[in-house]
PDB file of N, CA and C in Angstrom:
ATOM      1  N   ASN A   1      95.402  93.595 125.967  1.00  0.00           N
ATOM      2  CA  ASN A   1      95.388  94.774 125.608  1.00  0.00           C
ATOM      3  C   ASN A   1      94.739  95.086 124.048  1.00  0.00           C
ATOM      4  N   GLN A   2      93.897  96.241 123.991  1.00  0.00           N
ATOM      5  CA  GLN A   2      93.154  96.023 123.048  1.00  0.00           C
ATOM      6  C   GLN A   2      93.838  96.813 122.412  1.00  0.00           C
ATOM      7  N   LEU A   3      95.138  97.440 121.918  1.00  0.00           N
ATOM      8  CA  LEU A   3      96.030  97.970 121.453  1.00  0.00           C
ATOM      9  C   LEU A   3      96.537  97.083 119.960  1.00  0.00           C
ATOM     10  N   PHE A   4      96.856  96.056 121.117  1.00  0.00           N
ATOM     11  CA  PHE A   4      98.103  95.570 120.641  1.00  0.00           C
ATOM     12  C   PHE A   4      97.122  94.484 120.315  1.00  0.00           C
ATOM     13  N   ALA A   5      95.714  93.750 120.429  1.00  0.00           N
ATOM     14  CA  ALA A   5      95.092  92.855 120.034  1.00  0.00           C
ATOM     15  C   ALA A   5      94.897  93.465 117.925  1.00  0.00           C
ATOM     16  N   SER A   6      94.381  94.636 118.380  1.00  0.00           N
ATOM     17  CA  SER A   6      94.508  95.240 117.208  1.00  0.00           C
ATOM     18  C   SER A   6      95.216  95.581 116.371  1.00  0.00           C
ATOM     19  N   TYR A   7      96.215  95.949 116.655  1.00  0.00           N
ATOM     20  CA  TYR A   7      97.776  95.406 115.599  1.00  0.00           C
ATOM     21  C   TYR A   7      98.226  94.629 115.027  1.00  0.00           C
ATOM     22  N   SER A   8      97.803  93.623 115.906  1.00  0.00           N
ATOM     23  CA  SER A   8      98.107  92.405 115.390  1.00  0.00           C
ATOM     24  C   SER A   8      96.817  92.028 114.007  1.00  0.00           C
ATOM     25  N   LYS A   9      95.848  92.450 114.486  1.00  0.00           N
ATOM     26  CA  LYS A   9      94.611  92.210 112.596  1.00  0.00           C
ATOM     27  C   LYS A   9      95.555  93.276 111.310  1.00  0.00           C
ATOM     28  N   VAL A  10      96.174  94.171 111.933  1.00  0.00           N
ATOM     29  CA  VAL A  10      96.742  94.814 110.766  1.00  0.00           C
ATOM     30  C   VAL A  10      97.438  94.030 109.810  1.00  0.00           C
ATOM     31  N   ALA A  11      98.241  93.440 110.892  1.00  0.00           N
ATOM     32  CA  ALA A  11      99.202  91.892 109.870  1.00  0.00           C
ATOM     33  C   ALA A  11      98.514  91.178 109.220  1.00  0.00           C
ATOM     34  N   ASP A  12      97.348  90.907 109.443  1.00  0.00           N
ATOM     35  CA  ASP A  12      96.589  89.661 108.102  1.00  0.00           C
ATOM     36  C   ASP A  12      96.397  90.663 107.200  1.00  0.00           C
ATOM     37  N   ALA A  13      95.927  91.620 107.198  1.00  0.00           N
ATOM     38  CA  ALA A  13      95.426  92.817 106.623  1.00  0.00           C
ATOM     39  C   ALA A  13      96.373  92.771 105.302  1.00  0.00           C
ATOM     40  N   VAL A  14      97.994  93.187 105.883  1.00  0.00           N
ATOM     41  CA  VAL A  14      98.606  93.347 105.132  1.00  0.00           C
ATOM     42  C   VAL A  14      99.070  92.231 104.086  1.00  0.00           C
ATOM     43  N   SER A  15      98.963  91.417 105.006  1.00  0.00           N
ATOM     44  CA  SER A  15      99.341  90.116 104.000  1.00  0.00           C
ATOM     45  C   SER A  15      97.862  90.394 102.844  1.00  0.00           C
ATOM     46  N   LEU A  16      97.057  90.437 103.305  1.00  0.00           N
ATOM     47  CA  LEU A  16      95.751  89.523 102.845  1.00  0.00           C
ATOM     48  C   LEU A  16      95.633  90.811 101.095  1.00  0.00           C
ATOM     49  N   ALA A  17      96.669  92.238 101.532  1.00  0.00           N
ATOM     50  CA  ALA A  17      96.784  92.978 100.596  1.00  0.00           C
ATOM     51  C   ALA A  17      97.352  92.646  99.891  1.00  0.00           C
ATOM     52  N   SER A  18      98.431  92.129 100.150  1.00  0.00           N
ATOM     53  CA  SER A  18     100.013  91.098  98.930  1.00  0.00           C
ATOM     54  C   SER A  18      99.374  90.759  98.375  1.00  0.00           C
ATOM     55  N   VAL A  19      98.043  90.238  98.715  1.00  0.00           N
ATOM     56  CA  VAL A  19      97.429  88.479  97.726  1.00  0.00           C
ATOM     57  C   VAL A  19      96.465  89.022  96.468  1.00  0.00           C
ATOM     58  N   ILE A  20      96.058  90.107  97.070  1.00  0.00           N
ATOM     59  CA  ILE A  20      94.344  90.258  96.660  1.00  0.00           C
ATOM     60  C   ILE A  20      94.635  91.353  95.991  1.00  0.00           C
ATOM     61  N   GLY A  21      95.683  92.283  96.522  1.00  0.00           N
ATOM     62  CA  GLY A  21      95.406  94.420  96.280  1.00  0.00           C
ATOM     63  C   GLY A  21      95.106  95.226  97.426  1.00  0.00           C
ATOM     64  N   GLU A  22      95.267  95.978  97.663  1.00  0.00           N
ATOM     65  CA  GLU A  22      94.289  96.942  98.826  1.00  0.00           C
ATOM     66  C   GLU A  22      92.960  97.186  98.139  1.00  0.00           C
ATOM     67  N   ASP A  23      92.814  97.486  97.201  1.00  0.00           N
ATOM     68  CA  ASP A  23      91.552  98.140  96.717  1.00  0.00           C
ATOM     69  C   ASP A  23      90.799  96.891  97.301  1.00  0.00           C
ATOM     70  N   GLU A  24      90.690  95.571  96.808  1.00  0.00           N
ATOM     71  CA  GLU A  24      89.981  94.188  96.792  1.00  0.00           C
ATOM     72  C   GLU A  24      90.004  93.930  98.792  1.00  0.00           C
ATOM     73  N   LEU A  25      90.604  95.039  99.383  1.00  0.00           N
ATOM     74  CA  LEU A  25      90.441  94.238 100.806  1.00  0.00           C
ATOM     75  C   LEU A  25      89.418  94.935 100.929  1.00  0.00           C
ATOM     76  N   SER A  26      88.479  94.236 102.792  1.00  0.00           N
ATOM     77  CA  SER A  26      87.208  94.669 102.606  1.00  0.00           C
ATOM     78  C   SER A  26      87.198  96.567 103.344  1.00  0.00           C
ATOM     79  N   ASP A  27      86.049  96.514 103.586  1.00  0.00           N
ATOM     80  CA  ASP A  27      86.265  98.244 104.883  1.00  0.00           C
ATOM     81  C   ASP A  27      86.549  98.416 105.839  1.00  0.00           C
ATOM     82  N   ILE A  28      86.644  96.505 106.344  1.00  0.00           N
ATOM     83  CA  ILE A  28      87.061  96.754 107.708  1.00  0.00           C
ATOM     84  C   ILE A  28      88.865  96.334 108.055  1.00  0.00           C
ATOM     85  N   ASP A  29      88.764  95.795 106.591  1.00  0.00           N
ATOM     86  CA  ASP A  29      90.511  94.788 106.734  1.00  0.00           C
ATOM     87  C   ASP A  29      91.287  96.878 106.200  1.00  0.00           C
ATOM     88  N   LYS A  30      90.079  97.590 105.309  1.00  0.00           N
ATOM     89  CA  LYS A  30      91.098  98.824 105.152  1.00  0.00           C
ATOM     90  C   LYS A  30      91.117 100.244 106.139  1.00  0.00           C
ATOM     91  N   LEU A  31      90.298 100.065 107.280  1.00  0.00           N
ATOM     92  CA  LEU A  31      90.470 100.378 108.409  1.00  0.00           C
ATOM     93  C   LEU A  31      91.170  99.811 109.256  1.00  0.00           C
ATOM     94  N   TYR A  32      91.250  98.376 109.580  1.00  0.00           N
ATOM     95  CA  TYR A  32      92.496  97.870 109.756  1.00  0.00           C
ATOM     96  C   TYR A  32      93.860  98.654 109.547  1.00  0.00           C
ATOM     97  N   MET A  33      94.538  98.643 108.646  1.00  0.00           N
ATOM     98  CA  MET A  33      95.475  99.135 107.163  1.00  0.00           C
ATOM     99  C   MET A  33      95.591 100.932 107.711  1.00  0.00           C
ATOM    100  N   GLN A  34      94.389 101.673 108.376  1.00  0.00           N
ATOM    101  CA  GLN A  34      94.288 102.861 108.157  1.00  0.00           C
ATOM    102  C   GLN A  34      94.925 102.826 110.041  1.00  0.00           C
ATOM    103  N   PHE A  35      93.804 101.966 110.962  1.00  0.00           N
ATOM    104  CA  PHE A  35      94.913 102.008 112.160  1.00  0.00           C
ATOM    105  C   PHE A  35      95.925 101.616 112.053  1.00  0.00           C
ATOM    106  N   GLY A  36      96.994 100.975 111.623  1.00  0.00           N
ATOM    107  CA  GLY A  36      98.176 100.920 111.854  1.00  0.00           C
ATOM    108  C   GLY A  36      99.148 101.449 111.508  1.00  0.00           C
ATOM    109  N   LYS A  37      98.952 102.433 110.602  1.00  0.00           N
ATOM    110  CA  LYS A  37      99.405 103.741 109.819  1.00  0.00           C
ATOM    111  C   LYS A  37     100.006 104.450 111.008  1.00  0.00           C
ATOM    112  N   ARG A  38      98.390 105.342 111.298  1.00  0.00           N
ATOM    113  CA  ARG A  38      98.095 105.794 112.384  1.00  0.00           C
ATOM    114  C   ARG A  38      98.861 105.526 114.112  1.00  0.00           C
ATOM    115  N   PHE A  39      98.301 104.170 114.413  1.00  0.00           N
ATOM    116  CA  PHE A  39      99.316 103.617 115.481  1.00  0.00           C
ATOM    117  C   PHE A  39     100.455 103.609 115.522  1.00  0.00           C
ATOM    118  N   GLU A  40     101.422 103.056 114.407  1.00  0.00           N
ATOM    119  CA  GLU A  40     102.464 103.635 114.719  1.00  0.00           C
ATOM    120  C   GLU A  40     103.592 105.224 114.452  1.00  0.00           C
ATOM    121  N   ARG A  41     102.219 105.911 113.440  1.00  0.00           N
ATOM    122  CA  ARG A  41     102.715 107.500 113.599  1.00  0.00           C
ATOM    123  C   ARG A  41     102.896 107.697 114.647  1.00  0.00           C
ATOM    124  N   GLU A  42     101.438 107.956 115.150  1.00  0.00           N
ATOM    125  CA  GLU A  42     101.323 108.337 116.279  1.00  0.00           C
ATOM    126  C   GLU A  42     101.086 108.338 118.370  1.00  0.00           C
ATOM    127  N   PHE A  43     101.618 106.723 118.432  1.00  0.00           N
ATOM    128  CA  PHE A  43     101.311 105.775 119.404  1.00  0.00           C
ATOM    129  C   PHE A  43     103.023 105.340 119.636  1.00  0.00           C
ATOM    130  N   ILE A  44     103.417 104.467 118.901  1.00  0.00           N
ATOM    131  CA  ILE A  44     105.024 103.957 118.794  1.00  0.00           C
ATOM    132  C   ILE A  44     106.108 105.175 118.793  1.00  0.00           C
ATOM    133  N   ALA A  45     105.635 105.723 117.506  1.00  0.00           N
ATOM    134  CA  ALA A  45     107.259 106.397 117.583  1.00  0.00           C
ATOM    135  C   ALA A  45     106.608 107.833 117.978  1.00  0.00           C
ATOM    136  N   GLN A  46     107.113 107.300 119.537  1.00  0.00           N
ATOM    137  CA  GLN A  46     107.240 108.741 120.000  1.00  0.00           C
ATOM    138  C   GLN A  46     108.646 108.775 120.153  1.00  0.00           C
ATOM    139  N   GLY A  47     109.419 109.787 119.475  1.00  0.00           N
ATOM    140  CA  GLY A  47     110.293 110.176 119.806  1.00  0.00           C
ATOM    141  C   GLY A  47     110.655 110.865 121.299  1.00  0.00           C
ATOM    142  N   SER A  48     112.308 111.038 121.232  1.00  0.00           N
ATOM    143  CA  SER A  48     113.359 110.276 122.531  1.00  0.00           C
ATOM    144  C   SER A  48     113.332 112.682 123.288  1.00  0.00           C
ATOM    145  N   ARG A  49     112.672 112.540 122.189  1.00  0.00           N
ATOM    146  CA  ARG A  49     112.649 114.570 123.093  1.00  0.00           C
ATOM    147  C   ARG A  49     110.728 115.168 122.935  1.00  0.00           C
ATOM    148  N   GLU A  50     110.037 113.832 122.763  1.00  0.00           N
ATOM    149  CA  GLU A  50     108.588 114.099 122.711  1.00  0.00           C
ATOM    150  C   GLU A  50     108.577 113.362 124.395  1.00  0.00           C
ATOM    151  N   SER A  51     107.344 114.339 125.139  1.00  0.00           N
ATOM    152  CA  SER A  51     107.448 113.774 126.699  1.00  0.00           C
ATOM    153  C   SER A  51     105.951 113.378 127.102  1.00  0.00           C
ATOM    154  N   ARG A  52     105.452 112.711 127.026  1.00  0.00           N
ATOM    155  CA  ARG A  52     103.485 112.855 127.259  1.00  0.00           C
ATOM    156  C   ARG A  52     103.129 111.679 128.263  1.00  0.00           C
ATOM    157  N   SER A  53     102.348 112.760 129.318  1.00  0.00           N
ATOM    158  CA  SER A  53     102.055 111.848 129.940  1.00  0.00           C
ATOM    159  C   SER A  53     101.262 110.559 129.806  1.00  0.00           C
ATOM    160  N   LEU A  54     101.090 110.135 130.975  1.00  0.00           N
ATOM    161  CA  LEU A  54     100.073 108.545 131.346  1.00  0.00           C
ATOM    162  C   LEU A  54      98.783 109.050 130.411  1.00  0.00           C
ATOM    163  N   GLU A  55      98.410 109.839 131.394  1.00  0.00           N
ATOM    164  CA  GLU A  55      97.000 110.492 130.480  1.00  0.00           C
ATOM    165  C   GLU A  55      97.160 110.533 129.147  1.00  0.00           C
ATOM    166  N   GLN A  56      97.896 111.479 129.014  1.00  0.00           N
ATOM    167  CA  GLN A  56      97.964 111.746 126.993  1.00  0.00           C
ATOM    168  C   GLN A  56      98.099 110.812 126.673  1.00  0.00           C
ATOM    169  N   THR A  57      99.153 109.517 126.894  1.00  0.00           N
ATOM    170  CA  THR A  57      99.356 108.531 126.480  1.00  0.00           C
ATOM    171  C   THR A  57      98.204 107.248 126.839  1.00  0.00           C
ATOM    172  N   LEU A  58      97.236 107.764 127.610  1.00  0.00           N
ATOM    173  CA  LEU A  58      95.449 107.315 127.495  1.00  0.00           C
ATOM    174  C   LEU A  58      94.941 107.467 126.475  1.00  0.00           C
ATOM    175  N   ASP A  59      94.598 108.915 126.269  1.00  0.00           N
ATOM    176  CA  ASP A  59      93.908 109.093 125.247  1.00  0.00           C
ATOM    177  C   ASP A  59      93.973 109.245 124.126  1.00  0.00           C
ATOM    178  N   MET A  60      95.678 109.122 123.617  1.00  0.00           N
ATOM    179  CA  MET A  60      95.850 108.625 122.447  1.00  0.00           C
ATOM    180  C   MET A  60      96.078 107.636 121.558  1.00  0.00           C
ATOM    181  N   GLY A  61      95.661 106.011 123.158  1.00  0.00           N
ATOM    182  CA  GLY A  61      94.833 105.305 122.557  1.00  0.00           C
ATOM    183  C   GLY A  61      93.871 104.928 122.459  1.00  0.00           C
ATOM    184  N   TRP A  62      93.100 106.298 123.657  1.00  0.00           N
ATOM    185  CA  TRP A  62      91.699 106.126 122.687  1.00  0.00           C
ATOM    186  C   TRP A  62      91.475 106.780 121.348  1.00  0.00           C
ATOM    187  N   GLN A  63      92.224 107.768 120.789  1.00  0.00           N
ATOM    188  CA  GLN A  63      91.773 108.226 119.638  1.00  0.00           C
ATOM    189  C   GLN A  63      92.095 107.972 118.602  1.00  0.00           C
ATOM    190  N   VAL A  64      92.847 107.092 118.828  1.00  0.00           N
ATOM    191  CA  VAL A  64      93.138 105.923 117.595  1.00  0.00           C
ATOM    192  C   VAL A  64      92.522 104.348 117.659  1.00  0.00           C
ATOM    193  N   LEU A  65      92.170 103.341 118.638  1.00  0.00           N
ATOM    194  CA  LEU A  65      91.315 102.653 118.955  1.00  0.00           C
ATOM    195  C   LEU A  65      89.738 103.422 118.550  1.00  0.00           C
ATOM    196  N   SER A  66      89.572 104.496 118.050  1.00  0.00           N
ATOM    197  CA  SER A  66      88.033 104.759 118.265  1.00  0.00           C
ATOM    198  C   SER A  66      87.997 105.075 116.729  1.00  0.00           C
ATOM    199  N   MET A  67      89.382 105.038 115.885  1.00  0.00           N
ATOM    200  CA  MET A  67      89.062 104.195 114.079  1.00  0.00           C
ATOM    201  C   MET A  67      87.991 103.456 113.979  1.00  0.00           C
ATOM    202  N   LEU A  68      88.414 102.413 114.712  1.00  0.00           N
ATOM    203  CA  LEU A  68      87.490 100.827 114.299  1.00  0.00           C
ATOM    204  C   LEU A  68      86.048 101.139 115.411  1.00  0.00           C
ATOM    205  N   PRO A  69      85.443 100.293 114.574  1.00  0.00           N
ATOM    206  CA  PRO A  69      84.313 100.035 114.748  1.00  0.00           C
ATOM    207  C   PRO A  69      83.780  99.476 116.044  1.00  0.00           C
ATOM    208  N   ARG A  70      83.303 100.154 117.584  1.00  0.00           N
ATOM    209  CA  ARG A  70      83.039  99.966 119.037  1.00  0.00           C
ATOM    210  C   ARG A  70      82.607  98.471 118.833  1.00  0.00           C
ATOM    211  N   SER A  71      82.339  97.265 117.436  1.00  0.00           N
ATOM    212  CA  SER A  71      81.849  95.998 117.679  1.00  0.00           C
ATOM    213  C   SER A  71      83.280  95.162 118.069  1.00  0.00           C
ATOM    214  N   GLU A  72      84.174  96.031 116.979  1.00  0.00           N
ATOM    215  CA  GLU A  72      85.323  95.000 116.781  1.00  0.00           C
ATOM    216  C   GLU A  72      86.704  94.883 118.156  1.00  0.00           C
ATOM    217  N   LEU A  73      85.869  95.647 119.082  1.00  0.00           N
ATOM    218  CA  LEU A  73      87.368  96.531 121.002  1.00  0.00           C
ATOM    219  C   LEU A  73      86.229  95.254 121.309  1.00  0.00           C
ATOM    220  N   SER A  74      86.999  94.247 121.517  1.00  0.00           N
ATOM    221  CA  SER A  74      86.323  92.822 122.138  1.00  0.00           C
ATOM    222  C   SER A  74      86.209  92.475 123.412  1.00  0.00           C
ATOM    223  N   ARG A  75      88.061  93.321 123.388  1.00  0.00           N
ATOM    224  CA  ARG A  75      88.543  92.790 124.867  1.00  0.00           C
ATOM    225  C   ARG A  75      88.893  94.188 125.652  1.00  0.00           C
ATOM    226  N   VAL A  76      87.748  95.068 125.787  1.00  0.00           N
ATOM    227  CA  VAL A  76      87.111  95.920 126.526  1.00  0.00           C
ATOM    228  C   VAL A  76      86.377  96.490 127.088  1.00  0.00           C
ATOM    229  N   SER A  77      85.597  96.764 128.474  1.00  0.00           N
ATOM    230  CA  SER A  77      84.175  96.421 128.617  1.00  0.00           C
ATOM    231  C   SER A  77      83.043  97.802 128.681  1.00  0.00           C
ATOM    232  N   ASP A  78      82.068  96.941 128.714  1.00  0.00           N
ATOM    233  CA  ASP A  78      81.373  98.511 127.942  1.00  0.00           C
ATOM    234  C   ASP A  78      81.320  99.457 128.298  1.00  0.00           C
ATOM    235  N   LYS A  79      81.658  99.580 129.991  1.00  0.00           N
ATOM    236  CA  LYS A  79      81.575  99.926 130.955  1.00  0.00           C
ATOM    237  C   LYS A  79      83.144 101.244 130.609  1.00  0.00           C
ATOM    238  N   LEU A  80      83.934 100.777 129.749  1.00  0.00           N
ATOM    239  CA  LEU A  80      85.026 101.411 129.604  1.00  0.00           C
ATOM    240  C   LEU A  80      85.165 102.052 128.598  1.00  0.00           C
ATOM    241  N   LEU A  81      84.396 101.035 127.781  1.00  0.00           N
ATOM    242  CA  LEU A  81      83.713 101.958 125.772  1.00  0.00           C
ATOM    243  C   LEU A  81      82.716 103.046 125.575  1.00  0.00           C
ATOM    244  N   ASP A  82      81.819 102.944 127.404  1.00  0.00           N
ATOM    245  CA  ASP A  82      81.072 104.252 127.318  1.00  0.00           C
ATOM    246  C   ASP A  82      82.261 104.918 127.438  1.00  0.00           C
ATOM    247  N   ARG A  83      83.023 105.514 128.388  1.00  0.00           N
ATOM    248  CA  ARG A  83      83.871 106.714 129.243  1.00  0.00           C
ATOM    249  C   ARG A  83      84.173 106.795 128.339  1.00  0.00           C
ATOM    250  N   TYR A  84      85.042 105.969 127.402  1.00  0.00           N
ATOM    251  CA  TYR A  84      86.249 106.610 127.243  1.00  0.00           C
ATOM    252  C   TYR A  84      86.360 106.064 124.862  1.00  0.00           C
ATOM    253  N   TYR A  85      85.460 105.735 125.003  1.00  0.00           N
ATOM    254  CA  TYR A  85      84.859 105.524 122.999  1.00  0.00           C
ATOM    255  C   TYR A  85      84.782 106.188 122.550  1.00  0.00           C
ATOM    256  N   LYS A  86      85.576 107.311 121.299  1.00  0.00           N
ATOM    257  CA  LYS A  86      85.526 108.890 120.794  1.00  0.00           C
ATOM    258  C   LYS A  86      84.663 108.022 119.754  1.00  0.00           C
ATOM    259  N   GLY A  87      84.417 107.322 118.565  1.00  0.00           N
ATOM    260  CA  GLY A  87      83.891 106.748 118.287  1.00  0.00           C
ATOM    261  C   GLY A  87      81.744 106.897 117.927  1.00  0.00           C
TER     262      GLY A  87
END
């Protein structure tokens, strides 16, 4: 799943930031840090009182993934990217 593959790269960026500092991260690592925060806040942290449909969840996933450059989304077919990528 592309969402969780991308989220796993957040841990790498966080680890690197702890060594060299967030200001020294590459632009892509900074994007992954932003992606991770948004993914946790909007996608993972669904409250028990929040109800969303599968369609809403998929749309939210695409919105979050679209923060990243298309070239980073290697687990998604070009056909799906052409249809849903919002970048």
